[in-house]
Full PDB file with SEQRES, HELIX, SHEET, SSBOND, CRYST1, ORIGX, SCALE, CONECT and MASTER records, all heavy atoms in Angstrom:
SEQRES   1 A   44  SER LEU MET TRP VAL GLY ILE LEU GLY ALA PHE ILE SER          
SEQRES   2 A   44  ALA MET GLU ALA ALA GLY MET ALA LEU ALA ASP ARG ALA          
SEQRES   3 A   44  ARG TYR ILE PRO LEU THR LYS LEU LEU LEU MET MET ALA          
SEQRES   4 A   44  VAL ALA SER LEU VAL                                          
HELIX    1 AA1 LEU A    2  LEU A   22  1                                  21    
HELIX    2 AA2 LEU A   31  LEU A   43  1                                  13    
CRYST1    1.000    1.000    1.000  90.00  90.00  90.00 P 1           1          
ORIGX1      1.000000  0.000000  0.000000        0.00000                         
ORIGX2      0.000000  1.000000  0.000000        0.00000                         
ORIGX3      0.000000  0.000000  1.000000        0.00000                         
SCALE1      1.000000  0.000000  0.000000        0.00000                         
SCALE2      0.000000  1.000000  0.000000        0.00000                         
SCALE3      0.000000  0.000000  1.000000        0.00000                         
ATOM      1  N   SER A   1     -17.953   9.325 -40.279  1.00  0.00           N  
ATOM      2  CA  SER A   1     -17.956   9.331 -41.751  1.00  0.00           C  
ATOM      3  C   SER A   1     -16.494   9.667 -42.169  1.00  0.00           C  
ATOM      4  O   SER A   1     -15.664  10.150 -41.407  1.00  0.00           O  
ATOM      5  CB  SER A   1     -18.918  10.421 -42.221  1.00  0.00           C  
ATOM      6  OG  SER A   1     -18.452  11.696 -41.917  1.00  0.00           O  
ATOM      7  N   LEU A   2     -16.251   9.640 -43.510  1.00  0.00           N  
ATOM      8  CA  LEU A   2     -14.871  10.041 -44.038  1.00  0.00           C  
ATOM      9  C   LEU A   2     -14.595  11.418 -43.816  1.00  0.00           C  
ATOM     10  O   LEU A   2     -13.418  11.722 -43.462  1.00  0.00           O  
ATOM     11  CB  LEU A   2     -14.807   9.839 -45.608  1.00  0.00           C  
ATOM     12  CG  LEU A   2     -14.478   8.377 -46.068  1.00  0.00           C  
ATOM     13  CD1 LEU A   2     -14.529   8.305 -47.535  1.00  0.00           C  
ATOM     14  CD2 LEU A   2     -13.215   7.905 -45.491  1.00  0.00           C  
ATOM     15  N   MET A   3     -15.543  12.265 -43.933  1.00  0.00           N  
ATOM     16  CA  MET A   3     -15.333  13.720 -43.667  1.00  0.00           C  
ATOM     17  C   MET A   3     -14.922  13.846 -42.172  1.00  0.00           C  
ATOM     18  O   MET A   3     -14.018  14.485 -41.836  1.00  0.00           O  
ATOM     19  CB  MET A   3     -16.489  14.568 -43.830  1.00  0.00           C  
ATOM     20  CG  MET A   3     -16.220  16.001 -43.641  1.00  0.00           C  
ATOM     21  SD  MET A   3     -17.834  17.066 -43.906  1.00  0.00           S  
ATOM     22  CE  MET A   3     -18.614  16.686 -42.439  1.00  0.00           C  
ATOM     23  N   TRP A   4     -15.604  13.258 -41.277  1.00  0.00           N  
ATOM     24  CA  TRP A   4     -15.393  13.374 -39.845  1.00  0.00           C  
ATOM     25  C   TRP A   4     -13.954  12.681 -39.509  1.00  0.00           C  
ATOM     26  O   TRP A   4     -13.344  13.056 -38.549  1.00  0.00           O  
ATOM     27  CB  TRP A   4     -16.483  12.826 -38.940  1.00  0.00           C  
ATOM     28  CG  TRP A   4     -17.508  13.921 -38.731  1.00  0.00           C  
ATOM     29  CD1 TRP A   4     -18.829  13.970 -39.177  1.00  0.00           C  
ATOM     30  CD2 TRP A   4     -17.366  15.109 -37.936  1.00  0.00           C  
ATOM     31  NE1 TRP A   4     -19.437  15.139 -38.775  1.00  0.00           N  
ATOM     32  CE2 TRP A   4     -18.600  15.819 -37.990  1.00  0.00           C  
ATOM     33  CE3 TRP A   4     -16.356  15.528 -37.088  1.00  0.00           C  
ATOM     34  CZ2 TRP A   4     -18.697  17.006 -37.386  1.00  0.00           C  
ATOM     35  CZ3 TRP A   4     -16.539  16.765 -36.497  1.00  0.00           C  
ATOM     36  CH2 TRP A   4     -17.736  17.333 -36.627  1.00  0.00           C  
ATOM     37  N   VAL A   5     -13.586  11.650 -40.252  1.00  0.00           N  
ATOM     38  CA  VAL A   5     -12.269  11.074 -39.944  1.00  0.00           C  
ATOM     39  C   VAL A   5     -11.233  12.017 -40.246  1.00  0.00           C  
ATOM     40  O   VAL A   5     -10.330  12.159 -39.389  1.00  0.00           O  
ATOM     41  CB  VAL A   5     -12.089   9.773 -40.941  1.00  0.00           C  
ATOM     42  CG1 VAL A   5     -10.596   9.399 -40.908  1.00  0.00           C  
ATOM     43  CG2 VAL A   5     -13.020   8.603 -40.564  1.00  0.00           C  
ATOM     44  N   GLY A   6     -11.347  12.773 -41.224  1.00  0.00           N  
ATOM     45  CA  GLY A   6     -10.407  13.906 -41.472  1.00  0.00           C  
ATOM     46  C   GLY A   6     -10.399  14.954 -40.401  1.00  0.00           C  
ATOM     47  O   GLY A   6      -9.413  15.355 -39.899  1.00  0.00           O  
ATOM     48  N   ILE A   7     -11.547  15.319 -39.995  1.00  0.00           N  
ATOM     49  CA  ILE A   7     -11.636  16.523 -39.020  1.00  0.00           C  
ATOM     50  C   ILE A   7     -11.151  15.911 -37.709  1.00  0.00           C  
ATOM     51  O   ILE A   7     -10.498  16.739 -36.983  1.00  0.00           O  
ATOM     52  CB  ILE A   7     -13.192  16.871 -38.739  1.00  0.00           C  
ATOM     53  CG1 ILE A   7     -13.597  17.592 -40.157  1.00  0.00           C  
ATOM     54  CG2 ILE A   7     -13.325  17.786 -37.641  1.00  0.00           C  
ATOM     55  CD1 ILE A   7     -15.135  17.902 -40.157  1.00  0.00           C  
ATOM     56  N   LEU A   8     -11.448  14.692 -37.310  1.00  0.00           N  
ATOM     57  CA  LEU A   8     -10.969  14.162 -35.984  1.00  0.00           C  
ATOM     58  C   LEU A   8      -9.549  13.901 -36.099  1.00  0.00           C  
ATOM     59  O   LEU A   8      -8.766  14.013 -35.102  1.00  0.00           O  
ATOM     60  CB  LEU A   8     -11.775  12.824 -35.673  1.00  0.00           C  
ATOM     61  CG  LEU A   8     -13.151  13.013 -35.312  1.00  0.00           C  
ATOM     62  CD1 LEU A   8     -13.834  11.699 -35.153  1.00  0.00           C  
ATOM     63  CD2 LEU A   8     -13.290  13.808 -34.104  1.00  0.00           C  
ATOM     64  N   GLY A   9      -8.975  13.511 -37.367  1.00  0.00           N  
ATOM     65  CA  GLY A   9      -7.520  13.386 -37.399  1.00  0.00           C  
ATOM     66  C   GLY A   9      -6.841  14.747 -37.164  1.00  0.00           C  
ATOM     67  O   GLY A   9      -5.767  14.720 -36.506  1.00  0.00           O  
ATOM     68  N   ALA A  10      -7.354  15.841 -37.677  1.00  0.00           N  
ATOM     69  CA  ALA A  10      -6.831  17.158 -37.393  1.00  0.00           C  
ATOM     70  C   ALA A  10      -6.907  17.420 -35.937  1.00  0.00           C  
ATOM     71  O   ALA A  10      -5.825  18.050 -35.409  1.00  0.00           O  
ATOM     72  CB  ALA A  10      -7.676  18.205 -38.166  1.00  0.00           C  
ATOM     73  N   PHE A  11      -7.901  17.135 -35.247  1.00  0.00           N  
ATOM     74  CA  PHE A  11      -8.056  17.308 -33.834  1.00  0.00           C  
ATOM     75  C   PHE A  11      -6.915  16.466 -33.098  1.00  0.00           C  
ATOM     76  O   PHE A  11      -6.174  17.106 -32.049  1.00  0.00           O  
ATOM     77  CB  PHE A  11      -9.392  16.944 -33.294  1.00  0.00           C  
ATOM     78  CG  PHE A  11      -9.421  16.759 -31.695  1.00  0.00           C  
ATOM     79  CD1 PHE A  11      -9.500  17.864 -31.094  1.00  0.00           C  
ATOM     80  CD2 PHE A  11      -9.509  15.583 -31.095  1.00  0.00           C  
ATOM     81  CE1 PHE A  11      -9.540  17.863 -29.593  1.00  0.00           C  
ATOM     82  CE2 PHE A  11      -9.514  15.448 -29.729  1.00  0.00           C  
ATOM     83  CZ  PHE A  11      -9.518  16.583 -29.013  1.00  0.00           C  
ATOM     84  N   ILE A  12      -6.783  15.277 -33.355  1.00  0.00           N  
ATOM     85  CA  ILE A  12      -5.605  14.469 -32.776  1.00  0.00           C  
ATOM     86  C   ILE A  12      -4.343  14.984 -32.947  1.00  0.00           C  
ATOM     87  O   ILE A  12      -3.433  15.140 -32.121  1.00  0.00           O  
ATOM     88  CB  ILE A  12      -5.761  13.027 -33.257  1.00  0.00           C  
ATOM     89  CG1 ILE A  12      -7.072  12.284 -32.905  1.00  0.00           C  
ATOM     90  CG2 ILE A  12      -4.544  12.109 -32.818  1.00  0.00           C  
ATOM     91  CD1 ILE A  12      -7.277  12.140 -31.574  1.00  0.00           C  
ATOM     92  N   SER A  13      -4.067  15.498 -34.268  1.00  0.00           N  
ATOM     93  CA  SER A  13      -2.691  16.249 -34.488  1.00  0.00           C  
ATOM     94  C   SER A  13      -2.603  17.396 -33.628  1.00  0.00           C  
ATOM     95  O   SER A  13      -1.378  17.688 -33.265  1.00  0.00           O  
ATOM     96  CB  SER A  13      -2.628  16.391 -36.003  1.00  0.00           C  
ATOM     97  OG  SER A  13      -2.703  15.176 -36.752  1.00  0.00           O  
ATOM     98  N   ALA A  14      -3.634  18.166 -33.502  1.00  0.00           N  
ATOM     99  CA  ALA A  14      -3.517  19.435 -32.765  1.00  0.00           C  
ATOM    100  C   ALA A  14      -3.227  19.122 -31.351  1.00  0.00           C  
ATOM    101  O   ALA A  14      -2.250  19.753 -30.559  1.00  0.00           O  
ATOM    102  CB  ALA A  14      -4.749  20.232 -32.848  1.00  0.00           C  
ATOM    103  N   MET A  15      -3.741  17.974 -30.803  1.00  0.00           N  
ATOM    104  CA  MET A  15      -3.462  17.563 -29.405  1.00  0.00           C  
ATOM    105  C   MET A  15      -1.962  17.102 -29.350  1.00  0.00           C  
ATOM    106  O   MET A  15      -1.313  17.450 -28.299  1.00  0.00           O  
ATOM    107  CB  MET A  15      -4.412  16.543 -28.911  1.00  0.00           C  
ATOM    108  CG  MET A  15      -5.882  16.895 -28.893  1.00  0.00           C  
ATOM    109  SD  MET A  15      -6.210  18.036 -27.576  1.00  0.00           S  
ATOM    110  CE  MET A  15      -6.166  16.930 -26.090  1.00  0.00           C  
ATOM    111  N   GLU A  16      -1.610  16.473 -30.229  1.00  0.00           N  
ATOM    112  CA  GLU A  16      -0.203  15.932 -30.260  1.00  0.00           C  
ATOM    113  C   GLU A  16       0.759  17.209 -30.388  1.00  0.00           C  
ATOM    114  O   GLU A  16       1.800  17.146 -29.564  1.00  0.00           O  
ATOM    115  CB  GLU A  16       0.094  14.895 -31.455  1.00  0.00           C  
ATOM    116  CG  GLU A  16       1.465  14.436 -31.501  1.00  0.00           C  
ATOM    117  CD  GLU A  16       1.638  13.450 -32.688  1.00  0.00           C  
ATOM    118  OE1 GLU A  16       0.715  13.271 -33.510  1.00  0.00           O  
ATOM    119  OE2 GLU A  16       2.805  12.931 -32.842  1.00  0.00           O  
ATOM    120  N   ALA A  17       0.393  18.205 -31.263  1.00  0.00           N  
ATOM    121  CA  ALA A  17       1.293  19.341 -31.346  1.00  0.00           C  
ATOM    122  C   ALA A  17       1.302  20.080 -30.161  1.00  0.00           C  
ATOM    123  O   ALA A  17       2.449  20.683 -29.688  1.00  0.00           O  
ATOM    124  CB  ALA A  17       0.667  20.147 -32.469  1.00  0.00           C  
ATOM    125  N   ALA A  18       0.284  20.108 -29.374  1.00  0.00           N  
ATOM    126  CA  ALA A  18       0.223  20.859 -28.119  1.00  0.00           C  
ATOM    127  C   ALA A  18       1.188  20.228 -27.159  1.00  0.00           C  
ATOM    128  O   ALA A  18       2.007  20.923 -26.382  1.00  0.00           O  
ATOM    129  CB  ALA A  18      -1.116  20.843 -27.504  1.00  0.00           C  
ATOM    130  N   GLY A  19       1.330  18.837 -27.026  1.00  0.00           N  
ATOM    131  CA  GLY A  19       2.240  18.130 -26.264  1.00  0.00           C  
ATOM    132  C   GLY A  19       3.787  18.460 -26.678  1.00  0.00           C  
ATOM    133  O   GLY A  19       4.633  18.855 -25.827  1.00  0.00           O  
ATOM    134  N   MET A  20       3.952  18.444 -27.896  1.00  0.00           N  
ATOM    135  CA  MET A  20       5.209  18.855 -28.510  1.00  0.00           C  
ATOM    136  C   MET A  20       5.695  20.237 -28.100  1.00  0.00           C  
ATOM    137  O   MET A  20       6.829  20.504 -27.870  1.00  0.00           O  
ATOM    138  CB  MET A  20       5.391  18.679 -29.945  1.00  0.00           C  
ATOM    139  CG  MET A  20       5.211  17.156 -30.426  1.00  0.00           C  
ATOM    140  SD  MET A  20       5.136  16.877 -32.143  1.00  0.00           S  
ATOM    141  CE  MET A  20       5.207  15.179 -32.284  1.00  0.00           C  
ATOM    142  N   ALA A  21       4.704  21.189 -28.276  1.00  0.00           N  
ATOM    143  CA  ALA A  21       5.022  22.565 -27.947  1.00  0.00           C  
ATOM    144  C   ALA A  21       5.311  22.743 -26.438  1.00  0.00           C  
ATOM    145  O   ALA A  21       6.039  23.674 -26.035  1.00  0.00           O  
ATOM    146  CB  ALA A  21       3.876  23.496 -28.423  1.00  0.00           C  
ATOM    147  N   LEU A  22       4.719  21.771 -25.704  1.00  0.00           N  
ATOM    148  CA  LEU A  22       4.991  21.923 -24.139  1.00  0.00           C  
ATOM    149  C   LEU A  22       6.352  21.335 -23.663  1.00  0.00           C  
ATOM    150  O   LEU A  22       6.742  21.495 -22.482  1.00  0.00           O  
ATOM    151  CB  LEU A  22       3.871  21.243 -23.400  1.00  0.00           C  
ATOM    152  CG  LEU A  22       2.443  21.968 -23.474  1.00  0.00           C  
ATOM    153  CD1 LEU A  22       1.295  21.098 -22.804  1.00  0.00           C  
ATOM    154  CD2 LEU A  22       2.532  23.327 -22.576  1.00  0.00           C  
ATOM    155  N   ALA A  23       6.973  20.683 -24.635  1.00  0.00           N  
ATOM    156  CA  ALA A  23       8.115  19.814 -24.299  1.00  0.00           C  
ATOM    157  C   ALA A  23       9.296  20.758 -23.680  1.00  0.00           C  
ATOM    158  O   ALA A  23       9.961  20.399 -22.702  1.00  0.00           O  
ATOM    159  CB  ALA A  23       8.719  19.112 -25.516  1.00  0.00           C  
ATOM    160  N   ASP A  24       9.427  21.926 -24.181  1.00  0.00           N  
ATOM    161  CA  ASP A  24      10.506  22.872 -23.664  1.00  0.00           C  
ATOM    162  C   ASP A  24      10.244  23.288 -22.311  1.00  0.00           C  
ATOM    163  O   ASP A  24      11.006  23.252 -21.426  1.00  0.00           O  
ATOM    164  CB  ASP A  24      10.756  23.946 -24.583  1.00  0.00           C  
ATOM    165  CG  ASP A  24      11.756  24.980 -24.066  1.00  0.00           C  
ATOM    166  OD1 ASP A  24      12.855  24.456 -23.967  1.00  0.00           O  
ATOM    167  OD2 ASP A  24      11.527  26.127 -23.884  1.00  0.00           O  
ATOM    168  N   ARG A  25       8.908  23.477 -22.000  1.00  0.00           N  
ATOM    169  CA  ARG A  25       8.564  23.982 -20.546  1.00  0.00           C  
ATOM    170  C   ARG A  25       8.594  22.812 -19.635  1.00  0.00           C  
ATOM    171  O   ARG A  25       8.823  23.022 -18.456  1.00  0.00           O  
ATOM    172  CB  ARG A  25       7.155  24.501 -20.604  1.00  0.00           C  
ATOM    173  CG  ARG A  25       6.911  25.942 -21.514  1.00  0.00           C  
ATOM    174  CD  ARG A  25       5.478  26.264 -21.459  1.00  0.00           C  
ATOM    175  NE  ARG A  25       5.355  27.469 -22.152  1.00  0.00           N  
ATOM    176  CZ  ARG A  25       5.406  28.804 -21.619  1.00  0.00           C  
ATOM    177  NH1 ARG A  25       5.672  28.800 -20.284  1.00  0.00           N  
ATOM    178  NH2 ARG A  25       5.232  29.881 -22.278  1.00  0.00           N  
ATOM    179  N   ALA A  26       8.476  21.632 -20.133  1.00  0.00           N  
ATOM    180  CA  ALA A  26       8.325  20.485 -19.302  1.00  0.00           C  
ATOM    181  C   ALA A  26       9.665  19.741 -19.204  1.00  0.00           C  
ATOM    182  O   ALA A  26       9.718  18.597 -18.666  1.00  0.00           O  
ATOM    183  CB  ALA A  26       7.353  19.498 -19.725  1.00  0.00           C  
ATOM    184  N   ARG A  27      10.835  20.296 -19.733  1.00  0.00           N  
ATOM    185  CA  ARG A  27      12.050  19.646 -19.737  1.00  0.00           C  
ATOM    186  C   ARG A  27      12.718  19.241 -18.515  1.00  0.00           C  
ATOM    187  O   ARG A  27      13.551  18.437 -18.523  1.00  0.00           O  
ATOM    188  CB  ARG A  27      13.120  20.366 -20.718  1.00  0.00           C  
ATOM    189  CG  ARG A  27      13.537  21.676 -20.097  1.00  0.00           C  
ATOM    190  CD  ARG A  27      14.424  22.384 -21.072  1.00  0.00           C  
ATOM    191  NE  ARG A  27      14.919  23.717 -20.532  1.00  0.00           N  
ATOM    192  CZ  ARG A  27      14.364  24.824 -20.621  1.00  0.00           C  
ATOM    193  NH1 ARG A  27      13.061  24.906 -21.035  1.00  0.00           N  
ATOM    194  NH2 ARG A  27      14.840  25.992 -20.075  1.00  0.00           N  
ATOM    195  N   TYR A  28      12.141  19.760 -17.442  1.00  0.00           N  
ATOM    196  CA  TYR A  28      12.848  19.494 -16.065  1.00  0.00           C  
ATOM    197  C   TYR A  28      12.068  18.431 -15.271  1.00  0.00           C  
ATOM    198  O   TYR A  28      12.331  18.120 -14.216  1.00  0.00           O  
ATOM    199  CB  TYR A  28      12.957  20.796 -15.191  1.00  0.00           C  
ATOM    200  CG  TYR A  28      13.893  21.672 -15.898  1.00  0.00           C  
ATOM    201  CD1 TYR A  28      13.570  22.923 -16.315  1.00  0.00           C  
ATOM    202  CD2 TYR A  28      15.295  21.244 -16.158  1.00  0.00           C  
ATOM    203  CE1 TYR A  28      14.336  23.860 -16.934  1.00  0.00           C  
ATOM    204  CE2 TYR A  28      16.272  22.320 -16.761  1.00  0.00           C  
ATOM    205  CZ  TYR A  28      15.590  23.528 -17.167  1.00  0.00           C  
ATOM    206  OH  TYR A  28      16.553  24.447 -17.684  1.00  0.00           O  
ATOM    207  N   ILE A  29      10.989  17.936 -15.991  1.00  0.00           N  
ATOM    208  CA  ILE A  29      10.156  16.839 -15.314  1.00  0.00           C  
ATOM    209  C   ILE A  29      10.927  15.584 -15.068  1.00  0.00           C  
ATOM    210  O   ILE A  29      11.777  15.178 -15.980  1.00  0.00           O  
ATOM    211  CB  ILE A  29       8.964  16.413 -16.097  1.00  0.00           C  
ATOM    212  CG1 ILE A  29       7.950  17.653 -16.335  1.00  0.00           C  
ATOM    213  CG2 ILE A  29       8.274  15.171 -15.605  1.00  0.00           C  
ATOM    214  CD1 ILE A  29       6.805  17.260 -17.192  1.00  0.00           C  
ATOM    215  N   PRO A  30      11.066  15.052 -13.822  1.00  0.00           N  
ATOM    216  CA  PRO A  30      11.922  13.846 -13.558  1.00  0.00           C  
ATOM    217  C   PRO A  30      11.449  12.728 -14.562  1.00  0.00           C  
ATOM    218  O   PRO A  30      10.270  12.606 -14.886  1.00  0.00           O  
ATOM    219  CB  PRO A  30      11.610  13.584 -12.057  1.00  0.00           C  
ATOM    220  CG  PRO A  30      11.010  14.841 -11.486  1.00  0.00           C  
ATOM    221  CD  PRO A  30      10.381  15.677 -12.655  1.00  0.00           C  
ATOM    222  N   LEU A  31      12.365  11.917 -14.785  1.00  0.00           N  
ATOM    223  CA  LEU A  31      12.147  10.853 -15.769  1.00  0.00           C  
ATOM    224  C   LEU A  31      10.986   9.878 -15.174  1.00  0.00           C  
ATOM    225  O   LEU A  31      10.123   9.427 -16.000  1.00  0.00           O  
ATOM    226  CB  LEU A  31      13.358  10.045 -15.904  1.00  0.00           C  
ATOM    227  CG  LEU A  31      13.304   8.810 -16.833  1.00  0.00           C  
ATOM    228  CD1 LEU A  31      12.971   9.159 -18.222  1.00  0.00           C  
ATOM    229  CD2 LEU A  31      14.568   7.988 -16.740  1.00  0.00           C  
ATOM    230  N   THR A  32      10.997   9.557 -13.898  1.00  0.00           N  
ATOM    231  CA  THR A  32       9.920   8.713 -13.392  1.00  0.00           C  
ATOM    232  C   THR A  32       8.682   9.256 -13.581  1.00  0.00           C  
ATOM    233  O   THR A  32       7.612   8.612 -13.874  1.00  0.00           O  
ATOM    234  CB  THR A  32      10.242   8.456 -11.867  1.00  0.00           C  
ATOM    235  OG1 THR A  32      11.463   7.823 -11.752  1.00  0.00           O  
ATOM    236  CG2 THR A  32       9.152   7.609 -11.197  1.00  0.00           C  
ATOM    237  N   LYS A  33       8.477  10.624 -13.348  1.00  0.00           N  
ATOM    238  CA  LYS A  33       7.101  11.212 -13.499  1.00  0.00           C  
ATOM    239  C   LYS A  33       6.776  11.186 -14.956  1.00  0.00           C  
ATOM    240  O   LYS A  33       5.619  10.955 -15.300  1.00  0.00           O  
ATOM    241  CB  LYS A  33       7.197  12.630 -12.956  1.00  0.00           C  
ATOM    242  CG  LYS A  33       5.907  13.373 -12.901  1.00  0.00           C  
ATOM    243  CD  LYS A  33       5.899  14.865 -12.381  1.00  0.00           C  
ATOM    244  CE  LYS A  33       6.109  14.703 -10.830  1.00  0.00           C  
ATOM    245  NZ  LYS A  33       5.978  16.019 -10.288  1.00  0.00           N  
ATOM    246  N   LEU A  34       7.652  11.493 -15.878  1.00  0.00           N  
ATOM    247  CA  LEU A  34       7.338  11.475 -17.306  1.00  0.00           C  
ATOM    248  C   LEU A  34       6.843  10.140 -17.738  1.00  0.00           C  
ATOM    249  O   LEU A  34       5.848   9.963 -18.459  1.00  0.00           O  
ATOM    250  CB  LEU A  34       8.706  11.922 -18.094  1.00  0.00           C  
ATOM    251  CG  LEU A  34       8.455  11.841 -19.586  1.00  0.00           C  
ATOM    252  CD1 LEU A  34       7.458  12.938 -20.024  1.00  0.00           C  
ATOM    253  CD2 LEU A  34       9.805  12.149 -20.270  1.00  0.00           C  
ATOM    254  N   LEU A  35       7.530   9.033 -17.343  1.00  0.00           N  
ATOM    255  CA  LEU A  35       7.085   7.711 -17.628  1.00  0.00           C  
ATOM    256  C   LEU A  35       5.767   7.334 -17.011  1.00  0.00           C  
ATOM    257  O   LEU A  35       5.059   6.537 -17.642  1.00  0.00           O  
ATOM    258  CB  LEU A  35       8.197   6.676 -17.323  1.00  0.00           C  
ATOM    259  CG  LEU A  35       9.459   6.868 -18.048  1.00  0.00           C  
ATOM    260  CD1 LEU A  35      10.711   6.073 -17.543  1.00  0.00           C  
ATOM    261  CD2 LEU A  35       9.215   6.208 -19.565  1.00  0.00           C  
ATOM    262  N   LEU A  36       5.579   7.722 -15.834  1.00  0.00           N  
ATOM    263  CA  LEU A  36       4.269   7.555 -15.141  1.00  0.00           C  
ATOM    264  C   LEU A  36       3.120   8.240 -15.990  1.00  0.00           C  
ATOM    265  O   LEU A  36       2.082   7.682 -16.245  1.00  0.00           O  
ATOM    266  CB  LEU A  36       4.192   8.018 -13.721  1.00  0.00           C  
ATOM    267  CG  LEU A  36       4.850   7.109 -12.650  1.00  0.00           C  
ATOM    268  CD1 LEU A  36       4.880   7.868 -11.296  1.00  0.00           C  
ATOM    269  CD2 LEU A  36       4.099   5.782 -12.602  1.00  0.00           C  
ATOM    270  N   MET A  37       3.351   9.355 -16.427  1.00  0.00           N  
ATOM    271  CA  MET A  37       2.429  10.104 -17.263  1.00  0.00           C  
ATOM    272  C   MET A  37       2.031   9.272 -18.632  1.00  0.00           C  
ATOM    273  O   MET A  37       0.914   9.147 -19.013  1.00  0.00           O  
ATOM    274  CB  MET A  37       2.879  11.510 -17.650  1.00  0.00           C  
ATOM    275  CG  MET A  37       2.880  12.516 -16.558  1.00  0.00           C  
ATOM    276  SD  MET A  37       3.755  14.002 -16.865  1.00  0.00           S  
ATOM    277  CE  MET A  37       2.771  14.622 -18.173  1.00  0.00           C  
ATOM    278  N   MET A  38       3.208   8.721 -19.068  1.00  0.00           N  
ATOM    279  CA  MET A  38       2.842   7.904 -20.266  1.00  0.00           C  
ATOM    280  C   MET A  38       2.165   6.571 -20.085  1.00  0.00           C  
ATOM    281  O   MET A  38       1.302   6.120 -20.776  1.00  0.00           O  
ATOM    282  CB  MET A  38       4.388   7.601 -20.916  1.00  0.00           C  
ATOM    283  CG  MET A  38       5.099   8.677 -21.417  1.00  0.00           C  
ATOM    284  SD  MET A  38       6.737   8.358 -21.991  1.00  0.00           S  
ATOM    285  CE  MET A  38       6.508   7.679 -23.524  1.00  0.00           C  
ATOM    286  N   ALA A  39       2.428   5.998 -18.944  1.00  0.00           N  
ATOM    287  CA  ALA A  39       1.743   4.856 -18.449  1.00  0.00           C  
ATOM    288  C   ALA A  39       0.126   5.133 -18.337  1.00  0.00           C  
ATOM    289  O   ALA A  39      -0.672   4.436 -18.668  1.00  0.00           O  
ATOM    290  CB  ALA A  39       2.195   4.286 -17.073  1.00  0.00           C  
ATOM    291  N   VAL A  40       0.002   6.153 -17.613  1.00  0.00           N  
ATOM    292  CA  VAL A  40      -1.591   6.605 -17.405  1.00  0.00           C  
ATOM    293  C   VAL A  40      -2.224   6.977 -18.703  1.00  0.00           C  
ATOM    294  O   VAL A  40      -3.330   6.490 -18.991  1.00  0.00           O  
ATOM    295  CB  VAL A  40      -1.550   7.763 -16.442  1.00  0.00           C  
ATOM    296  CG1 VAL A  40      -2.995   8.328 -16.477  1.00  0.00           C  
ATOM    297  CG2 VAL A  40      -1.064   7.499 -15.106  1.00  0.00           C  
ATOM    298  N   ALA A  41      -1.477   7.601 -19.664  1.00  0.00           N  
ATOM    299  CA  ALA A  41      -2.057   7.952 -20.831  1.00  0.00           C  
ATOM    300  C   ALA A  41      -2.421   6.679 -21.727  1.00  0.00           C  
ATOM    301  O   ALA A  41      -3.299   6.649 -22.515  1.00  0.00           O  
ATOM    302  CB  ALA A  41      -1.148   8.908 -21.732  1.00  0.00           C  
ATOM    303  N   SER A  42      -1.474   5.746 -21.570  1.00  0.00           N  
ATOM    304  CA  SER A  42      -1.664   4.468 -22.282  1.00  0.00           C  
ATOM    305  C   SER A  42      -2.892   3.742 -21.739  1.00  0.00           C  
ATOM    306  O   SER A  42      -3.630   3.101 -22.489  1.00  0.00           O  
ATOM    307  CB  SER A  42      -0.443   3.568 -22.121  1.00  0.00           C  
ATOM    308  OG  SER A  42       0.655   4.247 -22.733  1.00  0.00           O  
ATOM    309  N   LEU A  43      -3.031   3.800 -20.372  1.00  0.00           N  
ATOM    310  CA  LEU A  43      -4.271   3.088 -19.871  1.00  0.00           C  
ATOM    311  C   LEU A  43      -5.578   3.819 -20.272  1.00  0.00           C  
ATOM    312  O   LEU A  43      -6.593   3.244 -20.483  1.00  0.00           O  
ATOM    313  CB  LEU A  43      -4.213   3.100 -18.356  1.00  0.00           C  
ATOM    314  CG  LEU A  43      -3.127   2.188 -17.826  1.00  0.00           C  
ATOM    315  CD1 LEU A  43      -2.965   2.205 -16.292  1.00  0.00           C  
ATOM    316  CD2 LEU A  43      -3.381   0.669 -18.216  1.00  0.00           C  
ATOM    317  N   VAL A  44      -5.432   5.205 -20.486  1.00  0.00           N  
ATOM    318  CA  VAL A  44      -6.671   5.892 -20.951  1.00  0.00           C  
ATOM    319  C   VAL A  44      -6.954   5.493 -22.430  1.00  0.00           C  
ATOM    320  O   VAL A  44      -8.166   5.303 -22.660  1.00  0.00           O  
ATOM    321  CB  VAL A  44      -6.372   7.488 -20.869  1.00  0.00           C  
ATOM    322  CG1 VAL A  44      -7.426   8.254 -21.729  1.00  0.00           C  
ATOM    323  CG2 VAL A  44      -6.314   8.005 -19.517  1.00  0.00           C  
TER     324      VAL A  44                                                      
MASTER        0    0    0    2    0    0    0    6  323    1    0    4          
END                                                                             
């Protein structure tokens, strides 16, 4: 429903924000591993 669209949108944004907040801690991840994570997430 429209109400749940808004609620789920908030959930998606919270998940995205969690990833952004983790960026500083994950800044030493090798580029290959980072891109592999993006590939797996895309397949999900």
